[in-house]
Amino acid sequence: MDNRTILTGVGIILCIVAVLSAGVYLERGGLEELGIVRKGFAQPVVAKHSPGAPLDIQNNRVYRKKLRTQKAPKEWKDFEDLEQDMIRFCRNLDEREYIKAYRLPEGSYRQLVKILNDLAATPPIVAGEAADPYKLKLNQEHFLRVIGKDNVGLILDILANEAELMESTAEMAFDWLNKGIEAGSPEIRLTQKDLYEYSAFFLTTLSGKAYLWTRDSKTRILATYYSLLVVDRANREKMNRHNVDLRPVAARLLDDLINYRNLSDRGQYIKKLKALDLPVSTAQAPESPANGKPQPAGRQ
């Protein structure tokens, strides 16, 4: 399957994500063949500084540590607070040399919002992919086709250079998106329905599963976790129109979380999964490749 993770999630992606958180950054393999994944392109991390002043590398390390470990209780964070967190994160990104190389006219925050809105305008196909080669091809090329080669490269570079922040940034972006949708933010045109469509895509379709099955354990687990939360919300709101059965997804994810140690909030994810009251679905068996099984999460 020729395809290539953020925002999204960085995930941010996700970007989903896809999201994302996840979503866009899950296509890495195919893009290496296209020559837009910058192997070995990691740049020295540079903190924001005044012209002529020495680079404050130590200050940058303090920033990263705070972003990773300081967590205000979620109930204290409204959309405006989360939006400022995202803007601060992106302003820090804008100081990186690898981001400057893209010459983004409005900075990384505006660019990432545009990417999300483009993805919202053209969701993937969830139903009938396995029986229609044309739908399958569209889904295999979805992210590259919808947001373009340069934006896919941007997401990949962010994920490669900010890998240590993937987990905390994915959580921040997920909360920012959900509360932005609830607050009716004019900037975010993504809706809960759009989040649901992408989540169902990753959890049930040939293409969505293939994106996840070929990723590293951390990326796959985080993308699956947030996709599951989105579909669980749709279940509770009677909006699970594709009848996605979350029970086998949750069982596999719980097994992965128990065996995979390289997540700082692993205990929180396990607790959340065990607390979910997942209903019995009337869905048919999800689409899955004839040959191929999800890669088990390695013990670390």
Foldseek 3Di string as FASTA:
>chain_A
DQFAWPVVQCDCDVAQLYPVCHHLYLGHPNVVVVVLADPPPADQQFFDDDPPDDTDSVVVVVVVVCLQPPDDPPVVDALVNLVVVLVVVQVSVCPTPVQVVLVDVVGDVLVVLVLQVLCQVPDQDQPDCVPDVVSVVCLLHVSCVRSHDVVSSVRSNCCVRVVVCSQSSSVSSLSNLVNCQVVVPPSHPHHLVRLLRLLSNLQFAANNVVSLQPDALVSNLSSLLSSLVSLLVCVVVVNNVQQDQCPVSLVLSLQLLVQADPDPCSVVSNVVSVPRDGDDTPHDHGDYDPDDDRDRHHHD
